[in-house]
Amino acid sequence: MWLEGIGRSYEGRRMYAVRVCFSQCKSRKIIFIEIGELIKRTNNCATLPNCAFGRVGIHSREWGAISTGLYMLSRLTDKLTDADRKVAEKFSWYFVPVVNVDGYVKTWEGKDNSDNRFWRKNRNPSSKGSASCGTGAASLSYFGVDLNRNFDIEWEHASQDGDPCSETFRGDAAFSEYESANVRDYATYIRHWLIAFTSIHTFGQLILMPWSFTNVTYQHHNELYWMLKKVGGTGDRLY
């Protein structure tokens, strides 16, 4: 297991990726699970043909997503059955345990203050939001960007929220935020070996797949649907 920095947040906190590889790392594809300095390009996916990436904690108030990502990491490192290990060993696993690190810290400040606990966006006040958006409960969204909507795919689509007072504000431009840009840069660097990218949320018991902005069928729809149907069938199990 390796820990490496992938950049810094708006408020200067470090963002990290954790890589888990069991053996023959140079021949494993990557699975990426998304739970100020440049990426350290040593002992990382640059030498790995098989990677998977995952993203966790992009909405800071979804504590359960972060706990789930860490639980998955724990299972990979010390709680695998022999059968599970045979599958896990086929890949290198990349986790970004907390994407919205500034927002996550905010949710832990003053546990009796619900405005803090339910903070969703990042903490960048330089976006278009202003105090005119409101106070009290409305202050939850008067500044900051919904990092989940700050990626470049269909950023200007009509369904994307351009209202800075909204909790789903997309930002001033695609990848305008440090946090989303860090994830982009890291995923781009390992792209030649990347076969899966997953983002974990706790909004509901749903498994979502491309695309959400169009009715056009995703090119790998049948393969992905078959796989996710099997995953969905395990949703009622207790762990």
C-alpha atoms as a PDB file:
ATOM      1  CA  MET A   1       0.000   0.000   0.000  1.00  0.00           C
ATOM      2  CA  TRP A   2       1.289   3.463  -0.967  1.00  0.00           C
ATOM      3  CA  LEU A   3       0.150   6.946   0.051  1.00  0.00           C
ATOM      4  CA  GLU A   4       0.910   9.882  -2.220  1.00  0.00           C
ATOM      5  CA  GLY A   5      -0.083  13.532  -2.462  1.00  0.00           C
ATOM      6  CA  ILE A   6      -2.114  14.593  -5.497  1.00  0.00           C
ATOM      7  CA  GLY A   7      -2.285  18.320  -4.779  1.00  0.00           C
ATOM      8  CA  ARG A   8      -3.837  20.802  -2.357  1.00  0.00           C
ATOM      9  CA  SER A   9      -7.342  22.130  -1.740  1.00  0.00           C
ATOM     10  CA  TYR A  10      -8.455  25.763  -1.943  1.00  0.00           C
ATOM     11  CA  GLU A  11      -7.592  26.255   1.741  1.00  0.00           C
ATOM     12  CA  GLY A  12      -4.230  24.556   1.298  1.00  0.00           C
ATOM     13  CA  ARG A  13      -4.951  21.122   2.747  1.00  0.00           C
ATOM     14  CA  ARG A  14      -3.229  18.139   1.197  1.00  0.00           C
ATOM     15  CA  MET A  15      -5.216  15.719  -0.924  1.00  0.00           C
ATOM     16  CA  TYR A  16      -4.061  12.118  -1.020  1.00  0.00           C
ATOM     17  CA  ALA A  17      -4.444   8.980  -3.096  1.00  0.00           C
ATOM     18  CA  VAL A  18      -3.923   5.504  -1.651  1.00  0.00           C
ATOM     19  CA  ARG A  19      -2.739   2.697  -3.921  1.00  0.00           C
ATOM     20  CA  VAL A  20      -3.168  -0.987  -3.067  1.00  0.00           C
ATOM     21  CA  CYS A  21      -1.375  -3.610  -5.129  1.00  0.00           C
ATOM     22  CA  PHE A  22      -0.710  -7.196  -4.080  1.00  0.00           C
ATOM     23  CA  SER A  23       1.868  -8.558  -6.517  1.00  0.00           C
ATOM     24  CA  GLN A  24       3.163  -8.120 -10.046  1.00  0.00           C
ATOM     25  CA  CYS A  25       2.055  -4.502  -9.902  1.00  0.00           C
ATOM     26  CA  LYS A  26       3.505  -3.665 -13.296  1.00  0.00           C
ATOM     27  CA  SER A  27       0.975  -5.937 -15.002  1.00  0.00           C
ATOM     28  CA  ARG A  28      -2.206  -4.848 -13.178  1.00  0.00           C
ATOM     29  CA  LYS A  29      -4.938  -2.617 -14.578  1.00  0.00           C
ATOM     30  CA  ILE A  30      -6.171   0.261 -12.414  1.00  0.00           C
ATOM     31  CA  ILE A  31      -9.504   0.708 -10.641  1.00  0.00           C
ATOM     32  CA  PHE A  32      -9.904   4.289  -9.390  1.00  0.00           C
ATOM     33  CA  ILE A  33     -12.257   4.806  -6.405  1.00  0.00           C
ATOM     34  CA  GLU A  34     -12.741   8.466  -5.691  1.00  0.00           C
ATOM     35  CA  ILE A  35     -13.366   8.647  -1.986  1.00  0.00           C
ATOM     36  CA  GLY A  36      -0.377  23.045  -4.192  1.00  0.00           C
ATOM     37  CA  GLU A  37       2.231  20.593  -5.171  1.00  0.00           C
ATOM     38  CA  LEU A  38       2.623  18.477  -8.243  1.00  0.00           C
ATOM     39  CA  ILE A  39       1.790  14.808  -8.237  1.00  0.00           C
ATOM     40  CA  LYS A  40       4.677  12.620  -7.110  1.00  0.00           C
ATOM     41  CA  ARG A  41       5.385  10.444 -10.086  1.00  0.00           C
ATOM     42  CA  THR A  42       7.185   7.638  -8.325  1.00  0.00           C
ATOM     43  CA  ASN A  43       5.773   4.258  -7.301  1.00  0.00           C
ATOM     44  CA  ASN A  44       2.495   5.116  -9.009  1.00  0.00           C
ATOM     45  CA  CYS A  45       0.396   4.078 -11.940  1.00  0.00           C
ATOM     46  CA  ALA A  46       2.920   5.295 -14.492  1.00  0.00           C
ATOM     47  CA  THR A  47       4.399   1.780 -14.412  1.00  0.00           C
ATOM     48  CA  LEU A  48       1.115  -0.132 -14.062  1.00  0.00           C
ATOM     49  CA  PRO A  49      -0.832  -1.464 -17.036  1.00  0.00           C
ATOM     50  CA  ASN A  50      -3.894  -2.433 -14.846  1.00  0.00           C
ATOM     51  CA  CYS A  51      -5.472   0.272 -12.643  1.00  0.00           C
ATOM     52  CA  ALA A  52      -8.850   1.161 -11.090  1.00  0.00           C
ATOM     53  CA  PHE A  53      -9.692   4.524  -9.532  1.00  0.00           C
ATOM     54  CA  GLY A  54     -12.372   5.546  -7.009  1.00  0.00           C
ATOM     55  CA  ARG A  55     -13.568   8.904  -5.717  1.00  0.00           C
ATOM     56  CA  VAL A  56     -15.068   9.368  -2.240  1.00  0.00           C
ATOM     57  CA  GLY A  57     -16.207  12.376  -0.229  1.00  0.00           C
ATOM     58  CA  ILE A  58     -16.821  14.936  -2.968  1.00  0.00           C
ATOM     59  CA  HIS A  59     -19.900  16.121  -1.039  1.00  0.00           C
ATOM     60  CA  SER A  60     -18.536  16.935   2.399  1.00  0.00           C
ATOM     61  CA  ARG A  61     -21.682  16.263   4.410  1.00  0.00           C
ATOM     62  CA  GLU A  62     -21.930  12.669   3.155  1.00  0.00           C
ATOM     63  CA  TRP A  63     -19.885  11.166   5.954  1.00  0.00           C
ATOM     64  CA  GLY A  64     -21.164   7.674   5.120  1.00  0.00           C
ATOM     65  CA  ALA A  65     -19.486   7.787   1.714  1.00  0.00           C
ATOM     66  CA  ILE A  66     -16.104   8.463   3.311  1.00  0.00           C
ATOM     67  CA  SER A  67     -16.644   5.688   5.863  1.00  0.00           C
ATOM     68  CA  THR A  68     -17.606   3.304   3.062  1.00  0.00           C
ATOM     69  CA  GLY A  69     -14.485   4.134   1.074  1.00  0.00           C
ATOM     70  CA  LEU A  70     -12.281   3.563   4.107  1.00  0.00           C
ATOM     71  CA  TYR A  71     -14.105   0.304   4.831  1.00  0.00           C
ATOM     72  CA  MET A  72     -13.402  -0.880   1.289  1.00  0.00           C
ATOM     73  CA  LEU A  73      -9.761   0.039   1.745  1.00  0.00           C
ATOM     74  CA  SER A  74      -9.668  -1.893   5.010  1.00  0.00           C
ATOM     75  CA  ARG A  75     -11.192  -4.955   3.372  1.00  0.00           C
ATOM     76  CA  LEU A  76      -8.609  -4.828   0.611  1.00  0.00           C
ATOM     77  CA  THR A  77      -5.678  -4.658   2.995  1.00  0.00           C
ATOM     78  CA  ASP A  78      -6.479  -6.999   5.864  1.00  0.00           C
ATOM     79  CA  LYS A  79      -9.909  -8.661   5.650  1.00  0.00           C
ATOM     80  CA  LEU A  80     -10.017 -10.482   2.323  1.00  0.00           C
ATOM     81  CA  THR A  81     -11.198 -14.049   1.996  1.00  0.00           C
ATOM     82  CA  ASP A  82      -9.125 -16.296  -0.242  1.00  0.00           C
ATOM     83  CA  ALA A  83     -11.761 -16.068  -2.972  1.00  0.00           C
ATOM     84  CA  ASP A  84     -11.936 -12.270  -2.783  1.00  0.00           C
ATOM     85  CA  ARG A  85      -8.169 -11.975  -2.823  1.00  0.00           C
ATOM     86  CA  LYS A  86      -7.956 -13.869  -6.119  1.00  0.00           C
ATOM     87  CA  VAL A  87     -10.147 -11.192  -7.692  1.00  0.00           C
ATOM     88  CA  ALA A  88      -8.515  -8.227  -5.937  1.00  0.00           C
ATOM     89  CA  GLU A  89      -5.027  -9.322  -6.978  1.00  0.00           C
ATOM     90  CA  LYS A  90      -5.911  -8.858 -10.642  1.00  0.00           C
ATOM     91  CA  PHE A  91      -5.926  -5.063 -10.258  1.00  0.00           C
ATOM     92  CA  SER A  92      -4.222  -2.098  -8.667  1.00  0.00           C
ATOM     93  CA  TRP A  93      -6.715  -0.135  -6.554  1.00  0.00           C
ATOM     94  CA  TYR A  94      -6.559   3.637  -6.203  1.00  0.00           C
ATOM     95  CA  PHE A  95      -8.576   5.541  -3.603  1.00  0.00           C
ATOM     96  CA  VAL A  96      -8.957   9.274  -3.037  1.00  0.00           C
ATOM     97  CA  PRO A  97     -10.582   9.036   0.421  1.00  0.00           C
ATOM     98  CA  VAL A  98     -11.706  12.679   0.693  1.00  0.00           C
ATOM     99  CA  VAL A  99     -11.967  14.952  -2.335  1.00  0.00           C
ATOM    100  CA  ASN A 100     -13.706  17.896  -0.657  1.00  0.00           C
ATOM    101  CA  VAL A 101     -11.293  18.133   2.261  1.00  0.00           C
ATOM    102  CA  ASP A 102     -12.104  21.748   3.204  1.00  0.00           C
ATOM    103  CA  GLY A 103     -15.839  21.112   3.237  1.00  0.00           C
ATOM    104  CA  TYR A 104     -15.343  17.925   5.253  1.00  0.00           C
ATOM    105  CA  VAL A 105     -13.410  19.806   7.932  1.00  0.00           C
ATOM    106  CA  LYS A 106     -16.202  22.389   7.978  1.00  0.00           C
ATOM    107  CA  THR A 107     -18.834  19.743   8.748  1.00  0.00           C
ATOM    108  CA  TRP A 108     -16.916  18.763  11.880  1.00  0.00           C
ATOM    109  CA  GLU A 109     -16.647  22.322  13.208  1.00  0.00           C
ATOM    110  CA  GLY A 110     -19.246  23.056  15.895  1.00  0.00           C
ATOM    111  CA  LYS A 111     -21.268  19.834  15.939  1.00  0.00           C
ATOM    112  CA  ASP A 112     -24.345  21.714  17.237  1.00  0.00           C
ATOM    113  CA  ASN A 113     -24.305  24.048  14.234  1.00  0.00           C
ATOM    114  CA  SER A 114     -26.420  22.463  11.505  1.00  0.00           C
ATOM    115  CA  ASP A 115     -25.190  25.016   8.980  1.00  0.00           C
ATOM    116  CA  ASN A 116     -21.744  23.488   9.337  1.00  0.00           C
ATOM    117  CA  ARG A 117     -22.843  19.849   9.488  1.00  0.00           C
ATOM    118  CA  PHE A 118     -24.734  20.001   6.186  1.00  0.00           C
ATOM    119  CA  TRP A 119     -22.160  21.968   4.206  1.00  0.00           C
ATOM    120  CA  ARG A 120     -22.018  20.418   0.718  1.00  0.00           C
ATOM    121  CA  LYS A 121     -19.808  22.513  -1.568  1.00  0.00           C
ATOM    122  CA  ASN A 122     -16.148  23.414  -1.372  1.00  0.00           C
ATOM    123  CA  ARG A 123     -14.980  26.533   0.488  1.00  0.00           C
ATOM    124  CA  ASN A 124     -13.878  28.757  -2.368  1.00  0.00           C
ATOM    125  CA  PRO A 125     -15.403  32.235  -1.825  1.00  0.00           C
ATOM    126  CA  SER A 126     -14.037  33.617  -5.076  1.00  0.00           C
ATOM    127  CA  SER A 127     -16.855  32.130  -7.126  1.00  0.00           C
ATOM    128  CA  LYS A 128     -19.876  34.233  -8.072  1.00  0.00           C
ATOM    129  CA  GLY A 129     -21.871  33.675  -4.883  1.00  0.00           C
ATOM    130  CA  SER A 130     -22.403  36.532  -2.448  1.00  0.00           C
ATOM    131  CA  ALA A 131     -24.080  37.327   0.831  1.00  0.00           C
ATOM    132  CA  SER A 132     -27.138  38.412  -1.167  1.00  0.00           C
ATOM    133  CA  CYS A 133     -28.024  34.755  -1.528  1.00  0.00           C
ATOM    134  CA  GLY A 134     -29.362  34.782   2.020  1.00  0.00           C
ATOM    135  CA  THR A 135     -28.576  33.969   5.610  1.00  0.00           C
ATOM    136  CA  GLY A 136     -29.306  31.126   7.996  1.00  0.00           C
ATOM    137  CA  ALA A 137     -30.108  27.916   6.137  1.00  0.00           C
ATOM    138  CA  ALA A 138     -29.533  29.732   2.828  1.00  0.00           C
ATOM    139  CA  SER A 139     -25.989  30.514   3.912  1.00  0.00           C
ATOM    140  CA  LEU A 140     -25.187  26.861   3.288  1.00  0.00           C
ATOM    141  CA  SER A 141     -24.893  27.707  -0.390  1.00  0.00           C
ATOM    142  CA  TYR A 142     -24.010  31.369  -0.633  1.00  0.00           C
ATOM    143  CA  PHE A 143     -20.487  30.576  -1.766  1.00  0.00           C
ATOM    144  CA  GLY A 144     -18.507  27.624  -3.000  1.00  0.00           C
ATOM    145  CA  VAL A 145     -18.833  25.171  -5.884  1.00  0.00           C
ATOM    146  CA  ASP A 146     -20.437  21.745  -6.129  1.00  0.00           C
ATOM    147  CA  LEU A 147     -17.313  19.842  -7.110  1.00  0.00           C
ATOM    148  CA  ASN A 148     -19.379  16.979  -8.495  1.00  0.00           C
ATOM    149  CA  ARG A 149     -20.604  19.343 -11.226  1.00  0.00           C
ATOM    150  CA  ASN A 150     -17.281  21.049 -11.889  1.00  0.00           C
ATOM    151  CA  PHE A 151     -15.934  18.425 -14.300  1.00  0.00           C
ATOM    152  CA  ASP A 152     -15.792  19.215 -17.998  1.00  0.00           C
ATOM    153  CA  ILE A 153     -18.189  16.670 -19.475  1.00  0.00           C
ATOM    154  CA  GLU A 154     -21.270  18.622 -20.596  1.00  0.00           C
ATOM    155  CA  TRP A 155     -20.361  21.387 -18.137  1.00  0.00           C
ATOM    156  CA  GLU A 156     -22.466  23.898 -20.053  1.00  0.00           C
ATOM    157  CA  HIS A 157     -25.425  21.554 -20.462  1.00  0.00           C
ATOM    158  CA  ALA A 158     -28.821  23.094 -19.700  1.00  0.00           C
ATOM    159  CA  SER A 159     -29.263  20.776 -16.712  1.00  0.00           C
ATOM    160  CA  GLN A 160     -26.132  22.139 -15.027  1.00  0.00           C
ATOM    161  CA  ASP A 161     -26.840  24.787 -12.399  1.00  0.00           C
ATOM    162  CA  GLY A 162     -25.307  28.201 -13.091  1.00  0.00           C
ATOM    163  CA  ASP A 163     -26.877  29.848 -10.035  1.00  0.00           C
ATOM    164  CA  PRO A 164     -24.129  30.633  -7.484  1.00  0.00           C
ATOM    165  CA  CYS A 165     -26.730  30.627  -4.709  1.00  0.00           C
ATOM    166  CA  SER A 166     -27.568  26.983  -5.422  1.00  0.00           C
ATOM    167  CA  GLU A 167     -26.050  24.005  -3.619  1.00  0.00           C
ATOM    168  CA  THR A 168     -25.460  22.487  -7.049  1.00  0.00           C
ATOM    169  CA  PHE A 169     -23.612  25.477  -8.545  1.00  0.00           C
ATOM    170  CA  ARG A 170     -21.292  24.194 -11.275  1.00  0.00           C
ATOM    171  CA  GLY A 171     -18.599  26.876 -10.826  1.00  0.00           C
ATOM    172  CA  ASP A 172     -17.280  29.638 -13.054  1.00  0.00           C
ATOM    173  CA  ALA A 173     -15.704  27.189 -15.507  1.00  0.00           C
ATOM    174  CA  ALA A 174     -15.020  23.487 -15.861  1.00  0.00           C
ATOM    175  CA  PHE A 175     -12.228  22.475 -13.495  1.00  0.00           C
ATOM    176  CA  SER A 176     -12.157  25.959 -11.980  1.00  0.00           C
ATOM    177  CA  GLU A 177     -11.590  24.409  -8.541  1.00  0.00           C
ATOM    178  CA  TYR A 178      -8.356  23.033  -7.131  1.00  0.00           C
ATOM    179  CA  GLU A 179      -9.982  19.845  -5.903  1.00  0.00           C
ATOM    180  CA  SER A 180     -11.615  18.765  -9.176  1.00  0.00           C
ATOM    181  CA  ALA A 181      -8.512  19.765 -11.145  1.00  0.00           C
ATOM    182  CA  ASN A 182      -6.349  17.606  -8.861  1.00  0.00           C
ATOM    183  CA  VAL A 183      -8.544  14.567  -9.505  1.00  0.00           C
ATOM    184  CA  ARG A 184      -8.473  15.315 -13.254  1.00  0.00           C
ATOM    185  CA  ASP A 185      -4.676  15.603 -13.334  1.00  0.00           C
ATOM    186  CA  TYR A 186      -4.161  12.411 -11.378  1.00  0.00           C
ATOM    187  CA  ALA A 187      -6.645  10.395 -13.427  1.00  0.00           C
ATOM    188  CA  THR A 188      -5.153  11.789 -16.628  1.00  0.00           C
ATOM    189  CA  TYR A 189      -1.684  10.682 -15.619  1.00  0.00           C
ATOM    190  CA  ILE A 190      -2.807   7.066 -15.097  1.00  0.00           C
ATOM    191  CA  ARG A 191      -5.289   7.055 -17.976  1.00  0.00           C
ATOM    192  CA  HIS A 192      -3.455   4.509 -20.134  1.00  0.00           C
ATOM    193  CA  TRP A 193      -4.000   1.795 -17.522  1.00  0.00           C
ATOM    194  CA  LEU A 194      -7.314   2.968 -16.096  1.00  0.00           C
ATOM    195  CA  ILE A 195     -10.250   0.602 -16.674  1.00  0.00           C
ATOM    196  CA  ALA A 196     -12.782   1.795 -14.065  1.00  0.00           C
ATOM    197  CA  PHE A 197     -13.638   5.038 -12.263  1.00  0.00           C
ATOM    198  CA  THR A 198     -16.162   5.006  -9.414  1.00  0.00           C
ATOM    199  CA  SER A 199     -17.585   7.794  -7.248  1.00  0.00           C
ATOM    200  CA  ILE A 200     -19.265   6.922  -3.943  1.00  0.00           C
ATOM    201  CA  HIS A 201     -22.145   8.963  -2.498  1.00  0.00           C
ATOM    202  CA  THR A 202     -24.775   8.409   0.201  1.00  0.00           C
ATOM    203  CA  PHE A 203     -27.730  10.231  -1.366  1.00  0.00           C
ATOM    204  CA  GLY A 204     -29.655   7.005  -1.917  1.00  0.00           C
ATOM    205  CA  GLN A 205     -29.393   3.287  -2.583  1.00  0.00           C
ATOM    206  CA  LEU A 206     -28.736   3.742  -6.259  1.00  0.00           C
ATOM    207  CA  ILE A 207     -26.171   2.591  -8.806  1.00  0.00           C
ATOM    208  CA  LEU A 208     -25.833   5.169 -11.570  1.00  0.00           C
ATOM    209  CA  MET A 209     -24.181   4.673 -14.955  1.00  0.00           C
ATOM    210  CA  PRO A 210     -23.565   6.882 -18.014  1.00  0.00           C
ATOM    211  CA  TRP A 211     -25.137   8.959 -19.352  1.00  0.00           C
ATOM    212  CA  SER A 212     -27.292  11.317 -17.265  1.00  0.00           C
ATOM    213  CA  PHE A 213     -27.429  14.219 -19.748  1.00  0.00           C
ATOM    214  CA  THR A 214     -28.692  12.395 -22.837  1.00  0.00           C
ATOM    215  CA  ASN A 215     -30.801   9.421 -23.937  1.00  0.00           C
ATOM    216  CA  VAL A 216     -28.035   8.246 -26.250  1.00  0.00           C
ATOM    217  CA  THR A 217     -26.894   4.786 -25.188  1.00  0.00           C
ATOM    218  CA  TYR A 218     -23.442   4.561 -23.625  1.00  0.00           C
ATOM    219  CA  GLN A 219     -21.098   2.590 -25.902  1.00  0.00           C
ATOM    220  CA  HIS A 220     -20.366  -0.063 -23.239  1.00  0.00           C
ATOM    221  CA  HIS A 221     -23.902  -0.101 -21.864  1.00  0.00           C
ATOM    222  CA  ASN A 222     -24.602  -3.840 -22.112  1.00  0.00           C
ATOM    223  CA  GLU A 223     -21.347  -4.881 -20.474  1.00  0.00           C
ATOM    224  CA  LEU A 224     -21.658  -2.284 -17.719  1.00  0.00           C
ATOM    225  CA  TYR A 225     -25.336  -3.036 -17.089  1.00  0.00           C
ATOM    226  CA  TRP A 226     -24.606  -6.744 -16.717  1.00  0.00           C
ATOM    227  CA  MET A 227     -21.853  -6.051 -14.189  1.00  0.00           C
ATOM    228  CA  LEU A 228     -23.806  -3.468 -12.176  1.00  0.00           C
ATOM    229  CA  LYS A 229     -26.862  -5.718 -12.044  1.00  0.00           C
ATOM    230  CA  LYS A 230     -24.752  -8.292 -10.257  1.00  0.00           C
ATOM    231  CA  VAL A 231     -23.447  -5.624  -7.883  1.00  0.00           C
ATOM    232  CA  GLY A 232     -26.959  -4.349  -7.209  1.00  0.00           C
ATOM    233  CA  GLY A 233     -28.073  -7.829  -6.249  1.00  0.00           C
ATOM    234  CA  THR A 234     -25.808  -7.681  -3.202  1.00  0.00           C
ATOM    235  CA  GLY A 235     -27.291  -4.426  -1.890  1.00  0.00           C
ATOM    236  CA  ASP A 236     -29.430  -6.061   0.788  1.00  0.00           C
ATOM    237  CA  ARG A 237     -26.588  -7.980   2.398  1.00  0.00           C
ATOM    238  CA  LEU A 238     -25.442  -7.096   5.893  1.00  0.00           C
ATOM    239  CA  TYR A 239     -21.755  -6.480   6.568  1.00  0.00           C
END
